[in-house]
Each structure stands twice: as C-alpha cells, then as structure tokens.
Amino acid sequence: MVVSKGGHSTFSYVVVDSQTKTRTCIYTPGYPPMIPEDLSKSNLSSDLDDVRLVYFDGVLQETELLSALVVAREAHQRNIPIVVDAESKRERVDDLLNLATYVVCSARFPQASLFH
C-alpha cells in the first residue's frame, strides 16, 4: 500500500439513467498521482500475495497508467486475472489491454484498438 500524507485516493461516481440505459462516470484522480517509482518490487510482490483479481479503470491519467502497467505486468506473471474497463482509445491503454484477461467496454469502443 502506498500512503501519501495529505493525499487522497482516486474515486469515481457512476450515475446510471435507467430510461436511456446510459451511464455517466465522474472521475476524480488521486493526489498526488502515483508514479511507478512508488512501487518497489518487494512491496508489490507482497501486496499481490493472495490477490485473486486485479481491476483497472481505463480513465487512468498518464502517470497512473504507467503505475498500472507495473502492477499489471507483475499480476500477469503470477497468472492473476486482470480486468480492464476501457472507456476510449488512449495512448498506452493498448499496453494494458494486451495484458488483460477480460476487457469491459462499450459497443462504440474502437474494435481495431483492442489487440495488435
């Protein structure tokens, strides 16, 4: 676990409209943003002990996405299933999608971007 004094975790609100069958996500990034250097190999290794699933939200900011890739690579090496909720095509999201076991996306998500 990474703790930053005065910081806060990323969180999202999801507003669902049952009449139009749509959803709106209100995303608030964590502060300060996590960077890959925050994740030591030994801490990451022990943090993933007994983990049965890793989930990533595709709206991650650039530095969060880089950190997510560090976690996803370690989870992939351990055969821990990885779920990616992909909202839209963005730089580096393909790297995360290539490690995913399951991808959740809208029907409008660019099909060509899923896997190379």
Protein backbone atom coordinates (compact mmCIF):
# COMPACT_ATOMS: atom_id res chain seq x y z
CA MET A 1 0.00 0.00 0.00
CA VAL A 2 1.25 3.48 -0.85
CA VAL A 3 0.24 6.24 1.55
CA SER A 4 0.85 9.93 0.98
CA LYS A 5 0.41 12.38 3.84
CA GLY A 6 -2.29 14.86 2.82
CA GLY A 7 -3.18 12.80 -0.25
CA HIS A 8 -6.36 11.05 -1.28
CA SER A 9 -7.29 8.00 -3.34
CA THR A 10 -8.77 8.01 -6.80
CA PHE A 11 -12.54 7.60 -6.81
CA SER A 12 -15.39 7.58 -9.30
CA TYR A 13 -19.11 8.10 -9.14
CA VAL A 14 -21.28 6.32 -11.68
CA VAL A 15 -24.67 7.83 -12.49
CA VAL A 16 -26.98 5.42 -14.32
CA ASP A 17 -30.04 6.54 -16.30
CA SER A 18 -32.33 3.53 -16.48
CA GLN A 19 -34.61 5.18 -19.06
CA THR A 20 -31.90 5.89 -21.64
CA LYS A 21 -29.77 2.94 -20.48
CA THR A 22 -26.67 5.14 -20.26
CA ARG A 23 -24.17 5.89 -17.58
CA THR A 24 -22.05 8.89 -16.74
CA CYS A 25 -18.82 8.47 -14.80
CA ILE A 26 -17.48 11.29 -12.67
CA TYR A 27 -13.78 10.62 -12.12
CA THR A 28 -11.57 12.24 -9.51
CA PRO A 29 -7.88 11.34 -9.77
CA GLY A 30 -5.85 10.58 -6.69
CA TYR A 31 -3.43 13.13 -5.28
CA PRO A 32 -0.54 13.12 -5.54
CA PRO A 33 -0.55 10.91 -8.63
CA MET A 34 1.08 7.54 -8.11
CA ILE A 35 4.23 7.06 -10.13
CA PRO A 36 5.96 3.76 -10.94
CA GLU A 37 8.82 4.62 -8.56
CA ASP A 38 6.26 4.43 -5.69
CA LEU A 39 6.00 0.68 -6.31
CA SER A 40 9.01 -1.23 -5.06
CA LYS A 41 9.36 -4.76 -6.39
CA SER A 42 9.32 -6.29 -2.91
CA ASN A 43 6.25 -4.33 -1.75
CA LEU A 44 4.40 -5.04 -4.96
CA SER A 45 5.21 -8.72 -4.68
CA SER A 46 3.86 -8.96 -1.13
CA ASP A 47 0.86 -6.74 -1.94
CA LEU A 48 -0.20 -9.19 -4.64
CA ASP A 49 0.01 -12.23 -2.36
CA ASP A 50 -3.46 -13.79 -2.07
CA VAL A 51 -4.89 -11.42 -4.72
CA ARG A 52 -7.36 -13.24 -6.94
CA LEU A 53 -8.22 -10.45 -9.42
CA VAL A 54 -6.78 -7.08 -10.46
CA TYR A 55 -9.10 -4.37 -11.86
CA PHE A 56 -8.08 -1.25 -13.78
CA ASP A 57 -10.33 1.61 -14.82
CA GLY A 58 -9.41 2.84 -18.29
CA VAL A 59 -9.75 6.51 -17.35
CA LEU A 60 -6.42 6.48 -15.55
CA GLN A 61 -4.25 9.54 -16.01
CA GLU A 62 -0.84 9.12 -17.70
CA THR A 63 1.23 8.63 -14.51
CA GLU A 64 -1.44 6.37 -13.01
CA LEU A 65 -1.47 4.34 -16.21
CA LEU A 66 2.30 3.85 -16.03
CA SER A 67 1.91 2.59 -12.45
CA ALA A 68 -0.98 0.36 -13.51
CA LEU A 69 1.28 -1.23 -16.12
CA VAL A 70 3.84 -2.10 -13.44
CA VAL A 71 1.12 -3.81 -11.37
CA ALA A 72 -0.43 -5.49 -14.43
CA ARG A 73 2.90 -6.95 -15.56
CA GLU A 74 3.50 -8.45 -12.12
CA ALA A 75 -0.08 -9.78 -11.96
CA HIS A 76 0.29 -11.25 -15.45
CA GLN A 77 3.50 -13.06 -14.44
CA ARG A 78 1.63 -14.55 -11.47
CA ASN A 79 -1.35 -15.59 -13.63
CA ILE A 80 -3.68 -13.30 -11.68
CA PRO A 81 -6.70 -12.42 -13.85
CA ILE A 82 -6.73 -8.78 -14.98
CA VAL A 83 -9.92 -6.85 -15.78
CA VAL A 84 -9.69 -3.58 -17.73
CA ASP A 85 -12.68 -1.26 -18.05
CA ALA A 86 -11.77 0.51 -21.30
CA GLU A 87 -13.66 3.74 -21.96
CA SER A 88 -11.84 5.03 -25.03
CA LYS A 89 -8.69 4.58 -27.04
CA ARG A 90 -5.83 6.46 -25.39
CA GLU A 91 -2.08 6.28 -25.50
CA ARG A 92 -0.72 3.31 -23.51
CA VAL A 93 -4.18 1.80 -22.89
CA ASP A 94 -3.32 -0.78 -25.57
CA ASP A 95 -0.37 -1.87 -23.42
CA LEU A 96 -2.76 -2.53 -20.56
CA LEU A 97 -5.31 -4.23 -22.83
CA ASN A 98 -2.65 -6.61 -24.10
CA LEU A 99 -2.17 -7.86 -20.53
CA ALA A 100 -5.89 -8.10 -19.77
CA THR A 101 -7.69 -11.35 -19.17
CA TYR A 102 -11.08 -9.63 -19.52
CA VAL A 103 -11.99 -6.31 -21.14
CA VAL A 104 -15.19 -4.41 -20.38
CA CYS A 105 -16.07 -1.74 -22.93
CA SER A 106 -18.94 -0.04 -24.70
CA ALA A 107 -20.18 -1.14 -28.10
CA ARG A 108 -18.60 2.04 -29.50
CA PHE A 109 -15.10 1.27 -28.28
CA PRO A 110 -12.79 1.15 -31.33
CA GLN A 111 -12.59 -2.52 -32.20
CA ALA A 112 -9.31 -2.06 -34.08
CA SER A 113 -7.55 -0.86 -30.95
CA LEU A 114 -8.20 -3.92 -28.81
CA PHE A 115 -5.29 -6.19 -29.65
CA HIS A 116 -2.47 -5.87 -32.12
